[in-house]
Amino acid sequence: LGVDDAVDPSMANALLAGGARAVVGYVNNVYTVYSRSMLWDTV
């Protein structure tokens, strides 16, 4: 979803336009373990 000074929702918007009900994603580069842990808990 881009970076702090240029948040870019185009990837998520394309999926939503394709019918996706909800899209979750990151702004900026994300640490591997944090991302994996967030995924685990969310699901």
All heavy atoms as atom14 arrays in JSON, in Angstrom:
{
  "sequence": "LGVDDAVDPSMANALLAGGARAVVGYVNNVYTVYSRSMLWDTV",
  "atom14_mask": [
    [1, 1, 1, 1, 1, 1, 1, 1, 0, 0, 0, 0, 0, 0],
    [1, 1, 1, 1, 0, 0, 0, 0, 0, 0, 0, 0, 0, 0],
    [1, 1, 1, 1, 1, 1, 1, 0, 0, 0, 0, 0, 0, 0],
    [1, 1, 1, 1, 1, 1, 1, 1, 0, 0, 0, 0, 0, 0],
    [1, 1, 1, 1, 1, 1, 1, 1, 0, 0, 0, 0, 0, 0],
    [1, 1, 1, 1, 1, 0, 0, 0, 0, 0, 0, 0, 0, 0],
    [1, 1, 1, 1, 1, 1, 1, 0, 0, 0, 0, 0, 0, 0],
    [1, 1, 1, 1, 1, 1, 1, 1, 0, 0, 0, 0, 0, 0],
    [1, 1, 1, 1, 1, 1, 1, 0, 0, 0, 0, 0, 0, 0],
    [1, 1, 1, 1, 1, 1, 0, 0, 0, 0, 0, 0, 0, 0],
    [1, 1, 1, 1, 1, 1, 1, 1, 0, 0, 0, 0, 0, 0],
    [1, 1, 1, 1, 1, 0, 0, 0, 0, 0, 0, 0, 0, 0],
    [1, 1, 1, 1, 1, 1, 1, 1, 0, 0, 0, 0, 0, 0],
    [1, 1, 1, 1, 1, 0, 0, 0, 0, 0, 0, 0, 0, 0],
    [1, 1, 1, 1, 1, 1, 1, 1, 0, 0, 0, 0, 0, 0],
    [1, 1, 1, 1, 1, 1, 1, 1, 0, 0, 0, 0, 0, 0],
    [1, 1, 1, 1, 1, 0, 0, 0, 0, 0, 0, 0, 0, 0],
    [1, 1, 1, 1, 0, 0, 0, 0, 0, 0, 0, 0, 0, 0],
    [1, 1, 1, 1, 0, 0, 0, 0, 0, 0, 0, 0, 0, 0],
    [1, 1, 1, 1, 1, 0, 0, 0, 0, 0, 0, 0, 0, 0],
    [1, 1, 1, 1, 1, 1, 1, 1, 1, 1, 1, 0, 0, 0],
    [1, 1, 1, 1, 1, 0, 0, 0, 0, 0, 0, 0, 0, 0],
    [1, 1, 1, 1, 1, 1, 1, 0, 0, 0, 0, 0, 0, 0],
    [1, 1, 1, 1, 1, 1, 1, 0, 0, 0, 0, 0, 0, 0],
    [1, 1, 1, 1, 0, 0, 0, 0, 0, 0, 0, 0, 0, 0],
    [1, 1, 1, 1, 1, 1, 1, 1, 1, 1, 1, 1, 0, 0],
    [1, 1, 1, 1, 1, 1, 1, 0, 0, 0, 0, 0, 0, 0],
    [1, 1, 1, 1, 1, 1, 1, 1, 0, 0, 0, 0, 0, 0],
    [1, 1, 1, 1, 1, 1, 1, 1, 0, 0, 0, 0, 0, 0],
    [1, 1, 1, 1, 1, 1, 1, 0, 0, 0, 0, 0, 0, 0],
    [1, 1, 1, 1, 1, 1, 1, 1, 1, 1, 1, 1, 0, 0],
    [1, 1, 1, 1, 1, 1, 1, 0, 0, 0, 0, 0, 0, 0],
    [1, 1, 1, 1, 1, 1, 1, 0, 0, 0, 0, 0, 0, 0],
    [1, 1, 1, 1, 1, 1, 1, 1, 1, 1, 1, 1, 0, 0],
    [1, 1, 1, 1, 1, 1, 0, 0, 0, 0, 0, 0, 0, 0],
    [1, 1, 1, 1, 1, 1, 1, 1, 1, 1, 1, 0, 0, 0],
    [1, 1, 1, 1, 1, 1, 0, 0, 0, 0, 0, 0, 0, 0],
    [1, 1, 1, 1, 1, 1, 1, 1, 0, 0, 0, 0, 0, 0],
    [1, 1, 1, 1, 1, 1, 1, 1, 0, 0, 0, 0, 0, 0],
    [1, 1, 1, 1, 1, 1, 1, 1, 1, 1, 1, 1, 1, 1],
    [1, 1, 1, 1, 1, 1, 1, 1, 0, 0, 0, 0, 0, 0],
    [1, 1, 1, 1, 1, 1, 1, 0, 0, 0, 0, 0, 0, 0],
    [1, 1, 1, 1, 1, 1, 1, 0, 0, 0, 0, 0, 0, 0]
  ],
  "atom14_positions": [
    [[0.82, -1.21, 0.0], [0.0, 0.0, 0.0], [0.86, 1.27, 0.0], [0.45, 2.31, 0.51], [-0.94, -0.01, 1.2], [-2.01, -1.12, 1.18], [-2.75, -1.19, 2.5], [-2.98, -0.91, 0.03], [0.0, 0.0, 0.0], [0.0, 0.0, 0.0], [0.0, 0.0, 0.0], [0.0, 0.0, 0.0], [0.0, 0.0, 0.0], [0.0, 0.0, 0.0]],
    [[2.05, 1.15, -0.58], [2.9, 2.31, -0.72], [3.77, 2.58, 0.49], [4.09, 1.69, 1.28], [0.0, 0.0, 0.0], [0.0, 0.0, 0.0], [0.0, 0.0, 0.0], [0.0, 0.0, 0.0], [0.0, 0.0, 0.0], [0.0, 0.0, 0.0], [0.0, 0.0, 0.0], [0.0, 0.0, 0.0], [0.0, 0.0, 0.0], [0.0, 0.0, 0.0]],
    [[4.14, 3.84, 0.64], [5.02, 4.27, 1.72], [4.39, 5.48, 2.4], [3.43, 6.07, 1.9], [6.43, 4.62, 1.2], [7.14, 3.37, 0.68], [6.35, 5.67, 0.1], [0.0, 0.0, 0.0], [0.0, 0.0, 0.0], [0.0, 0.0, 0.0], [0.0, 0.0, 0.0], [0.0, 0.0, 0.0], [0.0, 0.0, 0.0], [0.0, 0.0, 0.0]],
    [[4.95, 5.84, 3.55], [4.36, 6.89, 4.37], [4.03, 8.17, 3.6], [2.94, 8.72, 3.73], [5.3, 7.24, 5.52], [5.0, 6.39, 6.76], [3.86, 5.94, 6.9], [5.92, 6.17, 7.56], [0.0, 0.0, 0.0], [0.0, 0.0, 0.0], [0.0, 0.0, 0.0], [0.0, 0.0, 0.0], [0.0, 0.0, 0.0], [0.0, 0.0, 0.0]],
    [[4.99, 8.64, 2.82], [4.77, 9.92, 2.14], [4.03, 9.76, 0.82], [3.78, 10.74, 0.12], [6.1, 10.64, 1.91], [7.09, 9.81, 1.1], [6.79, 8.62, 0.87], [8.13, 10.34, 0.71], [0.0, 0.0, 0.0], [0.0, 0.0, 0.0], [0.0, 0.0, 0.0], [0.0, 0.0, 0.0], [0.0, 0.0, 0.0], [0.0, 0.0, 0.0]],
    [[3.68, 8.54, 0.47], [2.94, 8.3, -0.76], [2.13, 7.0, -0.65], [2.39, 6.03, -1.35], [3.9, 8.23, -1.96], [0.0, 0.0, 0.0], [0.0, 0.0, 0.0], [0.0, 0.0, 0.0], [0.0, 0.0, 0.0], [0.0, 0.0, 0.0], [0.0, 0.0, 0.0], [0.0, 0.0, 0.0], [0.0, 0.0, 0.0], [0.0, 0.0, 0.0]],
    [[1.17, 7.0, 0.26], [0.31, 5.82, 0.42], [-0.42, 5.58, -0.9], [-1.01, 6.49, -1.48], [-0.7, 6.02, 1.56], [-1.69, 4.87, 1.62], [0.03, 6.15, 2.9], [0.0, 0.0, 0.0], [0.0, 0.0, 0.0], [0.0, 0.0, 0.0], [0.0, 0.0, 0.0], [0.0, 0.0, 0.0], [0.0, 0.0, 0.0], [0.0, 0.0, 0.0]],
    [[-0.31, 4.35, -1.39], [-0.84, 4.01, -2.71], [-1.79, 2.82, -2.6], [-1.34, 1.68, -2.47], [0.32, 3.68, -3.66], [-0.12, 3.43, -5.08], [-1.33, 3.21, -5.3], [0.73, 3.45, -5.99], [0.0, 0.0, 0.0], [0.0, 0.0, 0.0], [0.0, 0.0, 0.0], [0.0, 0.0, 0.0], [0.0, 0.0, 0.0], [0.0, 0.0, 0.0]],
    [[-3.1, 3.04, -2.64], [-4.06, 1.95, -2.5], [-4.4, 1.24, -3.81], [-5.35, 0.45, -3.85], [-5.29, 2.67, -1.94], [-5.25, 4.01, -2.6], [-3.78, 4.36, -2.75], [0.0, 0.0, 0.0], [0.0, 0.0, 0.0], [0.0, 0.0, 0.0], [0.0, 0.0, 0.0], [0.0, 0.0, 0.0], [0.0, 0.0, 0.0], [0.0, 0.0, 0.0]],
    [[-3.64, 1.5, -4.87], [-4.03, 0.99, -6.2], [-4.11, -0.53, -6.25], [-4.99, -1.08, -6.92], [-3.07, 1.51, -7.27], [-1.73, 1.14, -6.99], [0.0, 0.0, 0.0], [0.0, 0.0, 0.0], [0.0, 0.0, 0.0], [0.0, 0.0, 0.0], [0.0, 0.0, 0.0], [0.0, 0.0, 0.0], [0.0, 0.0, 0.0], [0.0, 0.0, 0.0]],
    [[-3.2, -1.24, -5.56], [-3.23, -2.7, -5.58], [-4.49, -3.2, -4.88], [-5.2, -4.08, -5.39], [-1.98, -3.26, -4.91], [-1.74, -4.73, -5.15], [-1.19, -5.12, -6.84], [0.57, -4.77, -6.72], [0.0, 0.0, 0.0], [0.0, 0.0, 0.0], [0.0, 0.0, 0.0], [0.0, 0.0, 0.0], [0.0, 0.0, 0.0], [0.0, 0.0, 0.0]],
    [[-4.78, -2.64, -3.71], [-5.98, -3.04, -2.98], [-7.24, -2.65, -3.74], [-8.21, -3.42, -3.8], [-5.97, -2.41, -1.59], [0.0, 0.0, 0.0], [0.0, 0.0, 0.0], [0.0, 0.0, 0.0], [0.0, 0.0, 0.0], [0.0, 0.0, 0.0], [0.0, 0.0, 0.0], [0.0, 0.0, 0.0], [0.0, 0.0, 0.0], [0.0, 0.0, 0.0]],
    [[-7.24, -1.46, -4.31], [-8.42, -1.01, -5.06], [-8.71, -1.9, -6.25], [-9.88, -2.14, -6.6], [-8.24, 0.43, -5.51], [-8.39, 1.43, -4.38], [-8.94, 1.11, -3.33], [-7.9, 2.65, -4.57], [0.0, 0.0, 0.0], [0.0, 0.0, 0.0], [0.0, 0.0, 0.0], [0.0, 0.0, 0.0], [0.0, 0.0, 0.0], [0.0, 0.0, 0.0]],
    [[-7.65, -2.4, -6.9], [-7.85, -3.29, -8.04], [-8.51, -4.59, -7.59], [-9.4, -5.12, -8.28], [-6.51, -3.59, -8.71], [0.0, 0.0, 0.0], [0.0, 0.0, 0.0], [0.0, 0.0, 0.0], [0.0, 0.0, 0.0], [0.0, 0.0, 0.0], [0.0, 0.0, 0.0], [0.0, 0.0, 0.0], [0.0, 0.0, 0.0], [0.0, 0.0, 0.0]],
    [[-8.1, -5.12, -6.44], [-8.71, -6.34, -5.91], [-10.15, -6.11, -5.47], [-11.03, -6.94, -5.71], [-7.88, -6.86, -4.74], [-6.5, -7.44, -5.12], [-5.58, -7.5, -3.91], [-6.65, -8.82, -5.75], [0.0, 0.0, 0.0], [0.0, 0.0, 0.0], [0.0, 0.0, 0.0], [0.0, 0.0, 0.0], [0.0, 0.0, 0.0], [0.0, 0.0, 0.0]],
    [[-10.39, -4.95, -4.85], [-11.76, -4.63, -4.44], [-12.67, -4.44, -5.66], [-13.83, -4.88, -5.66], [-11.76, -3.36, -3.59], [-11.11, -3.49, -2.2], [-10.97, -2.12, -1.55], [-11.92, -4.42, -1.31], [0.0, 0.0, 0.0], [0.0, 0.0, 0.0], [0.0, 0.0, 0.0], [0.0, 0.0, 0.0], [0.0, 0.0, 0.0], [0.0, 0.0, 0.0]],
    [[-12.12, -3.82, -6.7], [-12.9, -3.66, -7.94], [-13.21, -5.01, -8.55], [-14.22, -5.17, -9.26], [-12.13, -2.79, -8.93], [0.0, 0.0, 0.0], [0.0, 0.0, 0.0], [0.0, 0.0, 0.0], [0.0, 0.0, 0.0], [0.0, 0.0, 0.0], [0.0, 0.0, 0.0], [0.0, 0.0, 0.0], [0.0, 0.0, 0.0], [0.0, 0.0, 0.0]],
    [[-12.35, -6.0, -8.27], [-12.57, -7.35, -8.78], [-13.51, -8.17, -7.92], [-13.68, -9.36, -8.16], [0.0, 0.0, 0.0], [0.0, 0.0, 0.0], [0.0, 0.0, 0.0], [0.0, 0.0, 0.0], [0.0, 0.0, 0.0], [0.0, 0.0, 0.0], [0.0, 0.0, 0.0], [0.0, 0.0, 0.0], [0.0, 0.0, 0.0], [0.0, 0.0, 0.0]],
    [[-14.1, -7.54, -6.9], [-15.08, -8.23, -6.09], [-14.65, -8.61, -4.69], [-15.46, -9.07, -3.89], [0.0, 0.0, 0.0], [0.0, 0.0, 0.0], [0.0, 0.0, 0.0], [0.0, 0.0, 0.0], [0.0, 0.0, 0.0], [0.0, 0.0, 0.0], [0.0, 0.0, 0.0], [0.0, 0.0, 0.0], [0.0, 0.0, 0.0], [0.0, 0.0, 0.0]],
    [[-13.32, -8.48, -4.4], [-12.86, -8.85, -3.05], [-13.64, -8.06, -2.01], [-13.91, -6.87, -2.17], [-11.37, -8.57, -2.91], [0.0, 0.0, 0.0], [0.0, 0.0, 0.0], [0.0, 0.0, 0.0], [0.0, 0.0, 0.0], [0.0, 0.0, 0.0], [0.0, 0.0, 0.0], [0.0, 0.0, 0.0], [0.0, 0.0, 0.0], [0.0, 0.0, 0.0]],
    [[-14.02, -8.74, -0.94], [-14.83, -8.06, 0.09], [-13.96, -7.18, 0.99], [-14.39, -6.12, 1.43], [-15.57, -9.1, 0.92], [-16.59, -8.47, 1.85], [-17.48, -9.5, 2.5], [-18.4, -8.87, 3.44], [-19.18, -9.52, 4.29], [-19.15, -10.86, 4.28], [-19.97, -8.88, 5.11], [0.0, 0.0, 0.0], [0.0, 0.0, 0.0], [0.0, 0.0, 0.0]],
    [[-12.75, -7.64, 1.3], [-11.84, -6.86, 2.14], [-10.4, -7.2, 1.76], [-10.1, -8.33, 1.36], [-12.08, -7.16, 3.61], [0.0, 0.0, 0.0], [0.0, 0.0, 0.0], [0.0, 0.0, 0.0], [0.0, 0.0, 0.0], [0.0, 0.0, 0.0], [0.0, 0.0, 0.0], [0.0, 0.0, 0.0], [0.0, 0.0, 0.0], [0.0, 0.0, 0.0]],
    [[-9.52, -6.21, 1.91], [-8.1, -6.39, 1.6], [-7.29, -5.79, 2.74], [-7.52, -4.65, 3.16], [-7.71, -5.7, 0.28], [-6.21, -5.89, 0.01], [-8.54, -6.25, -0.89], [0.0, 0.0, 0.0], [0.0, 0.0, 0.0], [0.0, 0.0, 0.0], [0.0, 0.0, 0.0], [0.0, 0.0, 0.0], [0.0, 0.0, 0.0], [0.0, 0.0, 0.0]],
    [[-6.33, -6.58, 3.24], [-5.42, -6.11, 4.29], [-4.01, -6.11, 3.71], [-3.6, -7.06, 3.05], [-5.47, -7.03, 5.53], [-4.47, -6.56, 6.59], [-6.87, -7.08, 6.1], [0.0, 0.0, 0.0], [0.0, 0.0, 0.0], [0.0, 0.0, 0.0], [0.0, 0.0, 0.0], [0.0, 0.0, 0.0], [0.0, 0.0, 0.0], [0.0, 0.0, 0.0]],
    [[-3.27, -5.03, 3.94], [-1.9, -4.95, 3.44], [-1.08, -3.96, 4.24], [-1.6, -3.29, 5.14], [0.0, 0.0, 0.0], [0.0, 0.0, 0.0], [0.0, 0.0, 0.0], [0.0, 0.0, 0.0], [0.0, 0.0, 0.0], [0.0, 0.0, 0.0], [0.0, 0.0, 0.0], [0.0, 0.0, 0.0], [0.0, 0.0, 0.0], [0.0, 0.0, 0.0]],
    [[0.21, -3.88, 3.89], [1.15, -3.05, 4.64], [1.55, -1.8, 3.88], [1.73, -1.82, 2.66], [2.41, -3.85, 4.98], [2.21, -4.84, 6.09], [1.9, -6.17, 5.81], [2.29, -4.45, 7.43], [1.69, -7.08, 6.83], [2.08, -5.35, 8.45], [1.78, -6.67, 8.16], [1.56, -7.56, 9.17], [0.0, 0.0, 0.0], [0.0, 0.0, 0.0]],
    [[1.74, -0.74, 4.64], [2.43, 0.45, 4.16], [3.88, 0.32, 4.63], [4.13, -0.04, 5.79], [1.8, 1.74, 4.73], [2.59, 2.97, 4.29], [0.34, 1.86, 4.32], [0.0, 0.0, 0.0], [0.0, 0.0, 0.0], [0.0, 0.0, 0.0], [0.0, 0.0, 0.0], [0.0, 0.0, 0.0], [0.0, 0.0, 0.0], [0.0, 0.0, 0.0]],
    [[4.84, 0.58, 3.75], [6.28, 0.48, 4.03], [6.76, -0.97, 4.03], [5.98, -1.91, 3.91], [6.64, 1.17, 5.35], [6.41, 2.67, 5.31], [6.67, 3.32, 4.3], [5.92, 3.23, 6.41], [0.0, 0.0, 0.0], [0.0, 0.0, 0.0], [0.0, 0.0, 0.0], [0.0, 0.0, 0.0], [0.0, 0.0, 0.0], [0.0, 0.0, 0.0]],
    [[8.08, -1.13, 4.18], [8.69, -2.45, 4.25], [8.47, -3.03, 5.64], [8.66, -2.36, 6.66], [10.21, -2.35, 3.99], [10.51, -1.97, 2.57], [9.87, -2.45, 1.64], [11.48, -1.09, 2.37], [0.0, 0.0, 0.0], [0.0, 0.0, 0.0], [0.0, 0.0, 0.0], [0.0, 0.0, 0.0], [0.0, 0.0, 0.0], [0.0, 0.0, 0.0]],
    [[8.07, -4.29, 5.66], [7.69, -4.9, 6.94], [8.65, -6.02, 7.32], [9.13, -6.78, 6.47], [6.24, -5.44, 6.85], [6.11, -6.5, 5.75], [5.77, -5.98, 8.19], [0.0, 0.0, 0.0], [0.0, 0.0, 0.0], [0.0, 0.0, 0.0], [0.0, 0.0, 0.0], [0.0, 0.0, 0.0], [0.0, 0.0, 0.0], [0.0, 0.0, 0.0]],
    [[8.96, -6.11, 8.63], [9.79, -7.19, 9.13], [9.07, -8.53, 8.96], [7.87, -8.65, 9.2], [10.11, -6.99, 10.61], [11.18, -5.96, 10.89], [10.9, -4.84, 11.68], [12.47, -6.1, 10.38], [11.88, -3.9, 11.95], [13.45, -5.17, 10.64], [13.16, -4.07, 11.42], [14.12, -3.13, 11.68], [0.0, 0.0, 0.0], [0.0, 0.0, 0.0]],
    [[9.84, -9.54, 8.57], [9.28, -10.85, 8.26], [8.52, -11.46, 9.44], [7.38, -11.91, 9.29], [10.4, -11.81, 7.83], [11.02, -11.31, 6.65], [9.87, -13.21, 7.58], [0.0, 0.0, 0.0], [0.0, 0.0, 0.0], [0.0, 0.0, 0.0], [0.0, 0.0, 0.0], [0.0, 0.0, 0.0], [0.0, 0.0, 0.0], [0.0, 0.0, 0.0]],
    [[9.15, -11.49, 10.61], [8.54, -12.18, 11.75], [7.29, -11.44, 12.22], [6.28, -12.07, 12.57], [9.55, -12.32, 12.91], [8.9, -12.99, 14.11], [10.76, -13.13, 12.45], [0.0, 0.0, 0.0], [0.0, 0.0, 0.0], [0.0, 0.0, 0.0], [0.0, 0.0, 0.0], [0.0, 0.0, 0.0], [0.0, 0.0, 0.0], [0.0, 0.0, 0.0]],
    [[7.31, -10.11, 12.19], [6.13, -9.34, 12.58], [4.96, -9.64, 11.63], [3.84, -9.91, 12.07], [6.45, -7.85, 12.55], [5.25, -6.96, 12.84], [4.79, -6.78, 14.14], [4.58, -6.31, 11.81], [3.69, -5.97, 14.41], [3.48, -5.5, 12.06], [3.04, -5.33, 13.37], [1.95, -4.53, 13.62], [0.0, 0.0, 0.0], [0.0, 0.0, 0.0]],
    [[5.24, -9.62, 10.33], [4.2, -9.89, 9.34], [3.62, -11.28, 9.51], [2.4, -11.48, 9.48], [4.77, -9.73, 7.93], [3.85, -10.17, 6.95], [0.0, 0.0, 0.0], [0.0, 0.0, 0.0], [0.0, 0.0, 0.0], [0.0, 0.0, 0.0], [0.0, 0.0, 0.0], [0.0, 0.0, 0.0], [0.0, 0.0, 0.0], [0.0, 0.0, 0.0]],
    [[4.49, -12.25, 9.71], [4.05, -13.63, 9.87], [3.21, -13.79, 11.14], [2.19, -14.5, 11.14], [5.28, -14.53, 9.92], [4.99, -16.01, 10.0], [6.27, -16.79, 9.79], [7.24, -16.56, 10.84], [8.56, -16.43, 10.64], [9.05, -16.48, 9.42], [9.38, -16.25, 11.65], [0.0, 0.0, 0.0], [0.0, 0.0, 0.0], [0.0, 0.0, 0.0]],
    [[3.62, -13.13, 12.21], [2.89, -13.22, 13.47], [1.52, -12.55, 13.36], [0.52, -13.06, 13.88], [3.71, -12.57, 14.59], [4.96, -13.2, 14.75], [0.0, 0.0, 0.0], [0.0, 0.0, 0.0], [0.0, 0.0, 0.0], [0.0, 0.0, 0.0], [0.0, 0.0, 0.0], [0.0, 0.0, 0.0], [0.0, 0.0, 0.0], [0.0, 0.0, 0.0]],
    [[1.48, -11.41, 12.68], [0.2, -10.71, 12.48], [-0.76, -11.57, 11.66], [-1.96, -11.64, 11.96], [0.45, -9.38, 11.77], [1.11, -8.32, 12.63], [-0.04, -7.59, 13.82], [-1.13, -6.68, 12.74], [0.0, 0.0, 0.0], [0.0, 0.0, 0.0], [0.0, 0.0, 0.0], [0.0, 0.0, 0.0], [0.0, 0.0, 0.0], [0.0, 0.0, 0.0]],
    [[-0.24, -12.23, 10.64], [-1.05, -13.13, 9.82], [-1.62, -14.25, 10.66], [-2.83, -14.55, 10.6], [-0.19, -13.7, 8.68], [-0.81, -14.84, 7.88], [-2.01, -14.36, 7.08], [0.24, -15.47, 6.94], [0.0, 0.0, 0.0], [0.0, 0.0, 0.0], [0.0, 0.0, 0.0], [0.0, 0.0, 0.0], [0.0, 0.0, 0.0], [0.0, 0.0, 0.0]],
    [[-0.77, -14.87, 11.44], [-1.17, -15.99, 12.29], [-2.31, -15.6, 13.22], [-3.35, -16.27, 13.3], [0.05, -16.46, 13.08], [-0.19, -17.42, 14.2], [-0.07, -17.17, 15.54], [-0.57, -18.8, 14.09], [-0.34, -18.29, 16.26], [-0.65, -19.31, 15.4], [-0.85, -19.64, 13.02], [-1.0, -20.63, 15.67], [-1.2, -20.96, 13.28], [-1.27, -21.44, 14.59]],
    [[-2.15, -14.5, 13.92], [-3.15, -14.09, 14.89], [-4.45, -13.65, 14.21], [-5.55, -13.97, 14.67], [-2.6, -12.93, 15.74], [-3.36, -12.76, 17.04], [-3.07, -13.5, 17.99], [-4.25, -11.88, 17.1], [0.0, 0.0, 0.0], [0.0, 0.0, 0.0], [0.0, 0.0, 0.0], [0.0, 0.0, 0.0], [0.0, 0.0, 0.0], [0.0, 0.0, 0.0]],
    [[-4.32, -12.95, 13.09], [-5.51, -12.49, 12.37], [-6.36, -13.65, 11.88], [-7.58, -13.68, 12.07], [-5.12, -11.59, 11.18], [-4.43, -10.43, 11.67], [-6.33, -11.15, 10.39], [0.0, 0.0, 0.0], [0.0, 0.0, 0.0], [0.0, 0.0, 0.0], [0.0, 0.0, 0.0], [0.0, 0.0, 0.0], [0.0, 0.0, 0.0], [0.0, 0.0, 0.0]],
    [[-5.72, -14.62, 11.24], [-6.47, -15.76, 10.69], [-7.07, -16.6, 11.82], [-8.22, -17.08, 11.71], [-5.6, -16.61, 9.76], [-6.35, -17.85, 9.29], [-5.15, -15.79, 8.56], [0.0, 0.0, 0.0], [0.0, 0.0, 0.0], [0.0, 0.0, 0.0], [0.0, 0.0, 0.0], [0.0, 0.0, 0.0], [0.0, 0.0, 0.0], [0.0, 0.0, 0.0]]
  ]
}
